[in-house]
Protein backbone atom coordinates (compact mmCIF):
# COMPACT_ATOMS: atom_id res chain seq x y z
CA UNK A 1 110.85 137.10 88.18
CA UNK A 2 111.23 135.09 91.01
CA UNK A 3 112.28 131.38 90.26
CA UNK A 4 112.32 127.81 92.07
CA UNK A 5 113.61 124.23 90.82
CA UNK A 6 111.37 122.13 92.75
CA UNK A 7 111.68 117.92 92.27
CA UNK A 8 108.92 115.60 93.25
CA UNK A 9 109.58 112.07 94.01
CA UNK A 10 108.20 108.70 93.60
CA UNK A 11 109.68 105.23 95.16
CA UNK A 12 108.63 101.94 96.23
CA UNK A 13 108.94 102.20 100.19
CA UNK A 14 109.20 99.37 102.62
CA UNK A 15 107.02 98.96 105.44
CA UNK A 16 108.74 99.89 108.85
CA UNK A 17 112.43 99.99 107.29
CA UNK A 18 113.38 103.34 107.97
CA UNK A 19 117.11 102.71 106.86
CA UNK A 20 116.13 101.35 103.52
CA UNK A 21 113.51 104.39 102.99
CA UNK A 22 116.11 106.86 103.94
CA UNK A 23 118.69 105.14 101.82
CA UNK A 24 116.22 105.72 98.74
CA UNK A 25 115.84 109.20 100.14
CA UNK A 26 119.10 110.00 99.96
CA UNK A 27 119.89 108.91 96.48
CA UNK A 28 117.06 110.76 94.91
CA UNK A 29 117.82 113.80 96.90
CA UNK A 30 121.59 113.66 95.88
CA UNK A 31 120.65 112.99 92.29
CA UNK A 32 118.02 115.84 92.03
CA UNK A 33 120.73 118.08 93.78
CA UNK A 34 123.34 117.38 91.42
CA UNK A 35 120.65 118.48 88.54
CA UNK A 36 120.40 121.62 90.08
CA UNK A 37 116.98 121.24 91.98
CA UNK A 38 116.67 123.39 95.22
CA UNK A 39 113.83 121.39 96.56
CA UNK A 40 112.77 117.70 96.57
CA UNK A 41 109.47 116.39 97.86
CA UNK A 42 108.77 112.80 98.88
CA UNK A 43 105.08 111.15 99.75
CA UNK A 44 103.23 110.54 102.94
CA UNK A 45 104.97 108.52 105.48
CA UNK A 46 107.83 108.07 103.17
CA UNK A 47 110.28 107.67 106.06
CA UNK A 48 108.27 104.83 107.64
CA UNK A 49 105.76 103.15 105.17
CA UNK A 50 101.96 103.99 105.48
CA UNK A 51 99.56 101.20 104.88
CA UNK A 52 101.01 98.36 107.11
CA UNK A 53 100.31 100.92 110.20
CA UNK A 54 96.64 99.94 110.06
CA UNK A 55 97.36 97.02 112.06
CA UNK A 56 99.83 98.40 114.18
CA UNK A 57 98.95 98.50 118.27
CA UNK A 58 99.70 101.97 120.22
CA UNK A 59 102.81 100.15 121.67
CA UNK A 60 104.11 99.32 118.03
CA UNK A 61 103.11 102.82 116.69
CA UNK A 62 105.11 104.35 119.59
CA UNK A 63 107.68 102.25 118.68
CA UNK A 64 107.56 103.35 115.03
CA UNK A 65 107.16 107.11 115.66
CA UNK A 66 110.00 109.85 116.55
CA UNK A 67 110.27 112.82 118.28
CA UNK A 68 110.58 115.90 116.04
CA UNK A 69 112.98 117.67 115.57
CA UNK A 70 115.40 115.61 117.62
CA UNK A 71 114.67 112.21 116.69
CA UNK A 72 116.66 110.05 114.16
CA UNK A 73 115.14 110.15 110.88
CA UNK A 74 114.62 113.95 111.15
CA UNK A 75 118.48 114.28 111.92
CA UNK A 76 119.32 111.99 108.99
CA UNK A 77 117.15 113.94 106.60
CA UNK A 78 118.73 116.99 107.88
CA UNK A 79 122.36 115.35 107.37
CA UNK A 80 121.35 114.89 103.86
CA UNK A 81 120.08 117.83 103.13
CA UNK A 82 123.32 119.67 104.34
CA UNK A 83 125.33 117.02 102.23
CA UNK A 84 123.68 117.80 99.30
CA UNK A 85 122.69 121.23 99.68
CA UNK A 86 119.09 120.87 98.77
CA UNK A 87 115.85 121.19 101.01
CA UNK A 88 113.80 117.91 101.64
CA UNK A 89 110.10 117.50 102.82
CA UNK A 90 109.22 113.89 103.80
CA UNK A 91 106.68 112.25 105.90
CA UNK A 92 106.74 109.95 109.33
CA UNK A 93 104.73 109.17 112.24
CA UNK A 94 105.39 111.60 115.29
CA UNK A 95 105.02 111.04 118.79
CA UNK A 96 105.52 113.61 121.91
CA UNK A 97 106.40 113.29 125.35
CA UNK A 98 103.09 112.53 126.21
CA UNK A 99 102.84 109.41 123.73
CA UNK A 100 100.33 111.07 121.61
CA UNK A 101 100.69 110.33 117.88
CA UNK A 102 100.21 112.18 115.11
CA UNK A 103 100.87 112.06 111.37
CA UNK A 104 103.90 114.42 110.24
CA UNK A 105 105.62 115.67 107.42
CA UNK A 106 108.75 118.02 107.72
CA UNK A 107 110.82 120.26 105.93
CA UNK A 108 114.60 120.38 106.35
CA UNK A 109 117.24 122.25 105.21
CA UNK A 110 121.17 122.17 105.56
CA UNK A 111 120.47 124.17 108.81
CA UNK A 112 117.86 121.67 110.39
CA UNK A 113 114.12 121.81 110.75
CA UNK A 114 112.51 124.72 108.72
CA UNK A 115 108.57 123.40 109.40
CA UNK A 116 106.45 120.71 110.55
CA UNK A 117 103.10 119.80 109.79
CA UNK A 118 100.70 117.48 111.19
CA UNK A 119 97.90 115.57 109.30
CA UNK A 120 94.52 117.25 109.77
CA UNK A 121 92.42 114.22 108.81
CA UNK A 122 94.31 110.97 109.75
CA UNK A 123 92.62 107.63 109.64
CA UNK A 124 95.33 104.90 109.01
CA UNK A 125 95.53 103.90 112.78
CA UNK A 126 92.88 104.72 115.73
CA UNK A 127 95.76 106.22 117.67
CA UNK A 128 96.66 108.95 115.67
CA UNK A 129 95.32 112.53 116.79
CA UNK A 130 94.34 115.17 114.30
CA UNK A 131 96.74 118.07 113.77
CA UNK A 132 95.07 121.35 114.89
CA UNK A 133 96.98 124.16 112.48
CA UNK A 134 97.90 125.21 109.18
CA UNK A 135 101.62 125.52 108.23
CA UNK A 136 102.97 128.47 106.06
CA UNK A 137 107.05 128.90 105.88
CA UNK A 138 109.39 129.77 103.42
CA UNK A 139 111.81 128.21 101.01
CA UNK A 140 114.14 130.47 99.02
CA UNK A 141 111.96 133.65 99.43
CA UNK A 142 108.91 131.16 98.62
CA UNK A 143 105.74 130.98 101.04
CA UNK A 144 104.84 127.30 101.13
CA UNK A 145 102.21 125.27 102.82
CA UNK A 146 101.88 121.56 103.71
CA UNK A 147 98.57 119.60 103.36
CA UNK A 148 98.59 115.63 103.51
CA UNK A 149 96.54 113.39 101.40
CA UNK A 150 92.73 113.53 102.71
CA UNK A 151 93.31 117.00 103.80
CA UNK A 152 93.41 117.95 100.41
CA UNK A 153 89.89 116.83 99.73
CA UNK A 154 88.47 119.11 102.24
CA UNK A 155 88.68 122.39 99.92
CA UNK A 156 88.42 124.55 102.83
CA UNK A 157 91.90 123.49 103.88
CA UNK A 158 93.32 124.48 100.54
CA UNK A 159 92.03 127.69 100.73
CA UNK A 160 92.84 128.43 103.89
CA UNK A 161 96.43 127.61 103.38
CA UNK A 162 96.21 129.99 100.46
CA UNK A 163 95.00 132.77 102.51
CA UNK A 164 97.75 132.36 105.00
CA UNK A 165 100.11 133.38 102.32
CA UNK A 166 101.49 130.08 100.56
CA UNK A 167 102.12 130.41 96.86
CA UNK A 168 103.22 126.72 96.91
CA UNK A 169 101.44 123.68 98.37
CA UNK A 170 103.37 120.22 98.85
CA UNK A 171 100.41 117.83 99.09
CA UNK A 172 102.23 114.24 99.95
CA UNK A 173 99.75 111.37 99.47
CA UNK A 174 99.62 107.61 99.50
CA UNK A 175 96.36 107.49 97.28
CA UNK A 176 94.71 105.91 94.46
CA UNK A 177 94.19 102.23 93.83
CA UNK A 178 91.56 101.89 96.53
CA UNK A 179 87.73 100.92 96.67
CA UNK A 180 85.55 103.72 96.77
CA UNK A 181 81.64 104.56 96.20
CA UNK A 182 82.47 106.03 93.04
CA UNK A 183 82.55 104.29 90.00
CA UNK A 184 85.62 102.48 88.51
CA UNK A 185 87.53 102.26 92.03
CA UNK A 186 89.48 99.82 93.48
CA UNK A 187 92.54 97.85 93.99
CA UNK A 188 95.03 97.11 91.44
CA UNK A 189 96.02 93.34 91.36
CA UNK A 190 99.46 93.13 92.71
CA UNK A 191 100.49 90.58 89.66
CA UNK A 192 100.27 93.38 87.52
CA UNK A 193 103.46 94.85 89.29
CA UNK A 194 105.21 91.53 89.50
CA UNK A 195 104.55 91.60 85.65
CA UNK A 196 105.33 94.86 84.91
CA UNK A 197 108.66 94.47 82.70
CA UNK A 198 106.81 91.52 80.57
CA UNK A 199 103.32 93.43 80.32
CA UNK A 200 103.76 96.92 81.12
CA UNK A 201 100.60 97.98 78.88
CA UNK A 202 98.16 95.98 81.34
CA UNK A 203 99.68 97.92 84.40
CA UNK A 204 99.72 101.42 82.60
CA UNK A 205 96.32 100.91 81.57
CA UNK A 206 94.98 100.32 85.57
CA UNK A 207 97.21 103.00 86.72
CA UNK A 208 95.98 105.65 84.29
CA UNK A 209 92.49 104.42 84.35
CA UNK A 210 89.58 105.60 87.09
CA UNK A 211 91.43 103.33 89.65
CA UNK A 212 94.15 105.88 89.70
CA UNK A 213 95.35 108.87 87.54
CA UNK A 214 91.81 109.82 85.69
CA UNK A 215 90.53 110.32 89.16
CA UNK A 216 93.08 112.12 90.46
CA UNK A 217 92.79 114.61 87.40
CA UNK A 218 89.00 115.29 88.01
CA UNK A 219 90.22 117.41 91.39
CA UNK A 220 93.76 117.93 92.01
CA UNK A 221 94.25 120.31 89.02
CA UNK A 222 91.16 122.11 90.37
CA UNK A 223 93.02 122.77 93.82
CA UNK A 224 95.75 124.54 91.88
CA UNK A 225 93.51 126.41 89.47
CA UNK A 226 91.20 127.78 91.78
CA UNK A 227 93.54 129.04 94.18
CA UNK A 228 95.98 130.36 91.65
CA UNK A 229 99.01 128.03 93.24
CA UNK A 230 101.48 125.64 92.78
CA UNK A 231 100.68 122.23 93.61
CA UNK A 232 103.59 119.67 94.42
CA UNK A 233 101.90 116.29 94.55
CA UNK A 234 104.07 113.39 95.84
CA UNK A 235 103.09 109.49 95.93
CA UNK A 236 104.26 106.44 96.18
CA UNK A 237 104.83 103.81 93.40
CA UNK A 238 104.68 100.04 93.68
CA UNK A 239 103.68 97.94 96.72
CA UNK A 240 102.84 99.90 100.33
CA UNK A 241 102.49 96.93 102.15
CA UNK A 242 99.54 94.98 100.64
CA UNK A 243 98.45 97.58 98.42
CA UNK A 244 99.46 98.67 94.92
CA UNK A 245 100.11 102.14 94.15
CA UNK A 246 100.59 104.05 91.08
CA UNK A 247 102.97 107.07 91.72
CA UNK A 248 102.51 109.81 89.01
CA UNK A 249 103.78 112.43 91.41
CA UNK A 250 103.52 115.72 89.33
CA UNK A 251 103.98 119.46 89.50
CA UNK A 252 100.81 121.73 88.81
CA UNK A 253 101.12 125.50 87.86
CA UNK A 254 98.64 128.03 88.99
CA UNK A 255 96.92 127.49 85.28
CA UNK A 256 95.76 123.85 86.54
CA UNK A 257 98.39 122.46 84.15
CA UNK A 258 100.87 119.42 84.76
CA UNK A 259 104.16 120.90 83.85
CA UNK A 260 106.36 117.48 85.54
CA UNK A 261 104.94 114.26 86.44
CA UNK A 262 106.72 110.73 86.88
CA UNK A 263 105.75 108.48 84.27
CA UNK A 264 107.73 105.36 84.76
CA UNK A 265 107.33 102.35 87.41
CA UNK A 266 110.98 103.13 88.46
CA UNK A 267 112.17 105.03 91.98
CA UNK A 268 112.35 108.30 90.31
CA UNK A 269 111.31 112.13 90.57
CA UNK A 270 110.98 114.98 88.09
CA UNK A 271 111.59 118.77 87.93
CA UNK A 272 109.96 121.94 87.25
CA UNK A 273 111.23 125.55 87.28
CA UNK A 274 108.58 127.58 88.71
CA UNK A 275 108.28 131.34 88.36
CA UNK A 276 106.16 133.78 90.28
CA UNK A 277 104.76 135.87 86.90
CA UNK A 278 102.04 132.82 86.80
CA UNK A 279 100.67 133.52 90.50
CA UNK A 280 99.67 136.67 89.11
CA UNK A 281 98.47 135.76 85.59
CA UNK A 282 96.37 132.71 86.37
CA UNK A 283 92.68 133.05 87.05
CA UNK A 284 92.61 132.01 90.69
CA UNK A 285 94.48 135.30 91.50
CA UNK A 286 91.73 137.21 90.09
CA UNK A 287 88.76 135.09 91.75
CA UNK A 288 90.27 135.48 95.27
CA UNK A 289 90.11 139.16 94.84
CA UNK A 290 86.61 139.11 93.27
CA UNK A 291 85.18 137.13 96.55
CA UNK A 292 82.41 138.53 98.64
CA UNK A 293 82.82 136.83 101.92
CA UNK A 294 80.04 138.68 103.39
CA UNK A 295 77.75 136.43 101.59
CA UNK A 296 78.63 133.23 103.02
CA UNK A 297 81.25 133.76 105.67
CA UNK A 298 78.44 132.37 108.02
CA UNK A 299 77.53 129.51 105.80
CA UNK A 300 81.17 128.18 105.47
CA UNK A 301 81.95 128.80 109.38
CA UNK A 302 79.23 127.01 110.51
CA UNK A 303 79.18 124.52 113.11
CA UNK A 304 78.69 120.46 112.50
CA UNK A 305 79.92 117.13 113.43
CA UNK A 306 82.95 116.08 111.28
CA UNK A 307 82.45 112.60 109.14
CA UNK A 308 84.73 110.86 107.69
CA UNK A 309 84.39 107.34 106.12
CA UNK A 310 87.06 105.45 104.27
CA UNK A 311 85.47 102.70 102.31
CA UNK A 312 89.04 100.96 101.76
CA UNK A 313 89.64 100.83 105.43
CA UNK A 314 86.60 98.12 106.23
CA UNK A 315 86.89 94.78 106.95
CA UNK A 316 85.57 93.35 104.06
CA UNK A 317 88.04 95.04 101.69
CA UNK A 318 91.30 95.22 103.77
CA UNK A 319 92.74 91.97 102.93
CA UNK A 320 94.23 90.84 99.39
CA UNK A 321 91.70 88.07 99.03
CA UNK A 322 89.28 90.66 98.74
CA UNK A 323 90.34 92.74 95.98
CA UNK A 324 88.79 93.48 92.91
CA UNK A 325 90.40 94.09 89.34
């Protein structure tokens, strides 16, 4: 039986403060390694911060973004990975030699860059370009993939990454606690975060309700279950710019069961040992083998005009005074 010990982290990043964020990543990575983890995953744009980028010009984005693999942050992540002998996955904004901008997520080990993925459905800043390919790579003999946040809401992306061989899909996010057309959605009042030590109950009710975890659990376990894969979900906790995020980074097995989850309000991580026997035992393994693609190949692959609407990005909902609790 093949096994792997994986950690997934949550922390409160600082907008644009790469030195601070990398220091937290280093501290959590060192602690995970000391506890025997082979891998630790961090959230979308964990190196740079995320939500504040909606206000940045292209020039400001180019100043924030870095080349990969030769940029300072990727080199620092590699240094941390080498020091602790742990594989690290983290996110940042990327630029190329033509000043094109992308939302990137990298995997590094002690030898350097293992994999780089560009988000297929970026929206936080109008100057970000969409990635054009899936990403499958190996960590200690395990086939892995990456899909960033909104990419996972388009179910074809998860199935395609699975078909390319991924048994583990890392799903870094900055999500939940934002307005939507779905019932119960909305921002969570930052005052609850400020009062988390004296009134943790009110904050937990918001974090775990339909604004947060209850919505996540409608669909995230299904991605693991239907595809017979391990899902490693990472999400920040605390303030990301002017928006509050609820963490609950978790690892889900091929049965759709949560086998580890961050349940504190602290910068932290949780760890699970995964095994390859579940990949074959789970229902998704059978469902994939039972497919009849001749029935739907042309239906799923037909042309269409993609449309992506993000409600919380609208002008009427993007400022603190417009939050609803």
